Amino acid sequence: MGDGKIGQLLDSLGVVADLDEGDMPVDAHVLLKVVKADGTVSLVKAVSESLDWISAVGMLTAALHIENNGYTAAHDDD
């Protein structure tokens, strides 16, 4: 199949993100679980063009932390 844009694929899988008005996503790191034609299961990683490896590792590390510990948004102390 080769490389291809996956926006419609993510839409068809029901992928959503909790974004606020004015938020501007700048990078993406996507991990897909794929069932091959022969029934084997694999993982496929996709990243946005501008995502460098340091940010990719940071995003994965943050995702692991959030999955394991939950996420609490920082609140302003105003």
N, C-alpha and C. Protein backbone atom coordinates (compact mmCIF):
# COMPACT_ATOMS: atom_id res chain seq x y z
N MET A 1 0.83 -1.19 0.00
CA MET A 1 0.00 0.00 0.00
C MET A 1 0.87 1.25 0.00
N GLY A 2 1.95 1.26 0.74
CA GLY A 2 2.85 2.41 0.74
C GLY A 2 2.40 3.52 1.66
N ASP A 3 3.15 4.62 1.60
CA ASP A 3 2.84 5.78 2.44
C ASP A 3 1.60 6.49 1.93
N GLY A 4 0.83 7.02 2.84
CA GLY A 4 -0.36 7.77 2.47
C GLY A 4 -0.89 8.57 3.64
N LYS A 5 -1.65 9.57 3.36
CA LYS A 5 -2.25 10.39 4.41
C LYS A 5 -3.29 9.55 5.15
N ILE A 6 -3.39 9.75 6.46
CA ILE A 6 -4.26 8.89 7.27
C ILE A 6 -5.38 9.64 7.97
N GLY A 7 -5.61 10.88 7.59
CA GLY A 7 -6.67 11.67 8.23
C GLY A 7 -8.03 11.00 8.16
N GLN A 8 -8.41 10.54 6.97
CA GLN A 8 -9.72 9.88 6.82
C GLN A 8 -9.76 8.57 7.60
N LEU A 9 -8.65 7.86 7.63
CA LEU A 9 -8.58 6.62 8.39
C LEU A 9 -8.82 6.89 9.87
N LEU A 10 -8.16 7.90 10.41
CA LEU A 10 -8.36 8.25 11.82
C LEU A 10 -9.81 8.67 12.07
N ASP A 11 -10.39 9.41 11.13
CA ASP A 11 -11.80 9.80 11.25
C ASP A 11 -12.69 8.57 11.29
N SER A 12 -12.42 7.60 10.41
CA SER A 12 -13.26 6.40 10.35
C SER A 12 -13.14 5.55 11.61
N LEU A 13 -12.00 5.67 12.30
CA LEU A 13 -11.81 4.93 13.57
C LEU A 13 -12.41 5.68 14.76
N GLY A 14 -12.91 6.89 14.52
CA GLY A 14 -13.53 7.67 15.59
C GLY A 14 -12.53 8.37 16.49
N VAL A 15 -11.33 8.65 15.99
CA VAL A 15 -10.31 9.32 16.78
C VAL A 15 -10.72 10.78 16.97
N VAL A 16 -10.74 11.23 18.22
CA VAL A 16 -11.07 12.62 18.54
C VAL A 16 -10.02 13.17 19.51
N ALA A 17 -9.92 14.47 19.57
CA ALA A 17 -9.00 15.13 20.49
C ALA A 17 -9.76 16.24 21.21
N ASP A 18 -9.44 16.43 22.47
CA ASP A 18 -10.06 17.46 23.30
C ASP A 18 -9.27 18.76 23.13
N LEU A 19 -9.69 19.60 22.18
CA LEU A 19 -9.01 20.86 21.91
C LEU A 19 -9.91 22.02 22.27
N ASP A 20 -9.32 23.08 22.76
CA ASP A 20 -10.06 24.29 23.08
C ASP A 20 -10.03 25.26 21.90
N GLU A 21 -10.99 26.18 21.88
CA GLU A 21 -11.04 27.22 20.86
C GLU A 21 -9.69 27.94 20.85
N GLY A 22 -9.11 28.09 19.68
CA GLY A 22 -7.84 28.80 19.55
C GLY A 22 -6.62 27.90 19.65
N ASP A 23 -6.79 26.64 20.08
CA ASP A 23 -5.66 25.71 20.14
C ASP A 23 -5.15 25.46 18.72
N MET A 24 -3.84 25.32 18.58
CA MET A 24 -3.25 25.10 17.27
C MET A 24 -2.33 23.87 17.33
N PRO A 25 -2.83 22.70 16.96
CA PRO A 25 -1.97 21.52 16.93
C PRO A 25 -0.81 21.75 15.95
N VAL A 26 0.40 21.37 16.37
CA VAL A 26 1.57 21.61 15.52
C VAL A 26 2.30 20.32 15.14
N ASP A 27 2.09 19.24 15.86
CA ASP A 27 2.73 17.97 15.54
C ASP A 27 1.82 16.83 15.96
N ALA A 28 2.05 15.67 15.36
CA ALA A 28 1.27 14.48 15.72
C ALA A 28 2.17 13.26 15.70
N HIS A 29 1.89 12.36 16.63
CA HIS A 29 2.58 11.07 16.71
C HIS A 29 1.48 10.03 16.87
N VAL A 30 1.30 9.20 15.86
CA VAL A 30 0.18 8.27 15.81
C VAL A 30 0.71 6.84 15.86
N LEU A 31 0.11 6.01 16.70
CA LEU A 31 0.45 4.60 16.77
C LEU A 31 -0.78 3.81 16.38
N LEU A 32 -0.66 3.00 15.33
CA LEU A 32 -1.80 2.24 14.81
C LEU A 32 -1.58 0.75 15.06
N LYS A 33 -2.61 0.08 15.57
CA LYS A 33 -2.61 -1.38 15.66
C LYS A 33 -3.24 -1.88 14.37
N VAL A 34 -2.50 -2.72 13.64
CA VAL A 34 -2.92 -3.17 12.32
C VAL A 34 -3.02 -4.69 12.31
N VAL A 35 -4.13 -5.20 11.81
CA VAL A 35 -4.27 -6.63 11.56
C VAL A 35 -3.99 -6.86 10.09
N LYS A 36 -2.94 -7.62 9.81
CA LYS A 36 -2.53 -7.90 8.44
C LYS A 36 -3.48 -8.90 7.79
N ALA A 37 -3.41 -9.03 6.46
CA ALA A 37 -4.27 -9.94 5.71
C ALA A 37 -4.13 -11.38 6.19
N ASP A 38 -2.92 -11.75 6.67
CA ASP A 38 -2.71 -13.13 7.14
C ASP A 38 -3.10 -13.33 8.60
N GLY A 39 -3.66 -12.28 9.22
CA GLY A 39 -4.12 -12.38 10.61
C GLY A 39 -3.12 -11.95 11.65
N THR A 40 -1.87 -11.68 11.27
CA THR A 40 -0.89 -11.22 12.24
C THR A 40 -1.19 -9.78 12.62
N VAL A 41 -0.76 -9.41 13.82
CA VAL A 41 -1.01 -8.06 14.33
C VAL A 41 0.33 -7.34 14.42
N SER A 42 0.34 -6.08 14.00
CA SER A 42 1.56 -5.29 14.10
C SER A 42 1.23 -3.87 14.52
N LEU A 43 2.25 -3.12 14.86
CA LEU A 43 2.11 -1.71 15.18
C LEU A 43 2.78 -0.90 14.08
N VAL A 44 2.14 0.20 13.71
CA VAL A 44 2.69 1.12 12.72
C VAL A 44 2.73 2.50 13.35
N LYS A 45 3.87 3.15 13.23
CA LYS A 45 4.04 4.50 13.78
C LYS A 45 4.02 5.50 12.63
N ALA A 46 3.29 6.60 12.82
CA ALA A 46 3.27 7.68 11.85
C ALA A 46 3.46 8.99 12.59
N VAL A 47 4.20 9.90 12.00
CA VAL A 47 4.44 11.20 12.63
C VAL A 47 4.25 12.31 11.60
N SER A 48 3.98 13.50 12.10
CA SER A 48 3.88 14.65 11.20
C SER A 48 5.27 14.99 10.66
N GLU A 49 5.28 15.67 9.51
CA GLU A 49 6.54 15.97 8.82
C GLU A 49 7.55 16.72 9.68
N SER A 50 7.06 17.64 10.49
CA SER A 50 7.98 18.50 11.24
C SER A 50 8.40 17.93 12.59
N LEU A 51 7.89 16.76 12.96
CA LEU A 51 8.20 16.20 14.28
C LEU A 51 9.62 15.64 14.31
N ASP A 52 10.47 16.23 15.16
CA ASP A 52 11.84 15.74 15.30
C ASP A 52 11.87 14.60 16.32
N TRP A 53 12.96 13.84 16.34
CA TRP A 53 13.02 12.64 17.18
C TRP A 53 12.98 12.97 18.66
N ILE A 54 13.55 14.10 19.06
CA ILE A 54 13.54 14.46 20.48
C ILE A 54 12.10 14.73 20.94
N SER A 55 11.35 15.47 20.14
CA SER A 55 9.95 15.74 20.49
C SER A 55 9.13 14.46 20.43
N ALA A 56 9.44 13.57 19.47
CA ALA A 56 8.72 12.30 19.36
C ALA A 56 8.90 11.47 20.63
N VAL A 57 10.13 11.38 21.12
CA VAL A 57 10.40 10.64 22.35
C VAL A 57 9.69 11.31 23.54
N GLY A 58 9.72 12.63 23.58
CA GLY A 58 9.03 13.35 24.65
C GLY A 58 7.53 13.12 24.63
N MET A 59 6.93 13.11 23.43
CA MET A 59 5.50 12.87 23.33
C MET A 59 5.15 11.45 23.77
N LEU A 60 5.97 10.47 23.39
CA LEU A 60 5.73 9.08 23.81
C LEU A 60 5.86 8.95 25.32
N THR A 61 6.88 9.59 25.89
CA THR A 61 7.08 9.54 27.33
C THR A 61 5.90 10.17 28.07
N ALA A 62 5.43 11.31 27.56
CA ALA A 62 4.28 11.98 28.17
C ALA A 62 3.03 11.12 28.05
N ALA A 63 2.84 10.48 26.88
CA ALA A 63 1.67 9.61 26.69
C ALA A 63 1.69 8.44 27.68
N LEU A 64 2.85 7.84 27.87
CA LEU A 64 2.98 6.75 28.85
C LEU A 64 2.63 7.23 30.25
N HIS A 65 3.13 8.40 30.61
CA HIS A 65 2.84 8.95 31.94
C HIS A 65 1.34 9.19 32.11
N ILE A 66 0.71 9.78 31.10
CA ILE A 66 -0.72 10.06 31.17
C ILE A 66 -1.51 8.76 31.25
N GLU A 67 -1.15 7.75 30.45
CA GLU A 67 -1.85 6.45 30.49
C GLU A 67 -1.70 5.78 31.85
N ASN A 68 -0.53 5.89 32.45
CA ASN A 68 -0.28 5.22 33.73
C ASN A 68 -0.77 5.99 34.94
N ASN A 69 -0.81 7.32 34.85
CA ASN A 69 -1.10 8.14 36.03
C ASN A 69 -2.28 9.09 35.88
N GLY A 70 -2.83 9.19 34.70
CA GLY A 70 -3.88 10.16 34.46
C GLY A 70 -3.28 11.52 34.15
N TYR A 71 -4.14 12.47 33.87
CA TYR A 71 -3.69 13.81 33.50
C TYR A 71 -4.50 14.83 34.26
N THR A 72 -3.81 15.78 34.85
CA THR A 72 -4.46 16.88 35.52
C THR A 72 -3.92 18.18 34.92
N ALA A 73 -4.81 18.99 34.39
CA ALA A 73 -4.39 20.24 33.77
C ALA A 73 -3.87 21.19 34.84
N ALA A 74 -2.83 21.93 34.51
CA ALA A 74 -2.31 22.96 35.42
C ALA A 74 -3.32 24.09 35.48
N HIS A 75 -3.54 24.63 36.66
CA HIS A 75 -4.48 25.74 36.84
C HIS A 75 -3.72 27.02 37.13
N ASP A 76 -4.22 28.11 36.61
CA ASP A 76 -3.62 29.42 36.92
C ASP A 76 -3.88 29.75 38.37
N ASP A 77 -2.91 30.38 39.03
CA ASP A 77 -3.05 30.76 40.43
C ASP A 77 -3.54 32.19 40.59
N ASP A 78 -4.19 32.74 39.57
CA ASP A 78 -4.67 34.14 39.62
C ASP A 78 -5.66 34.35 40.70
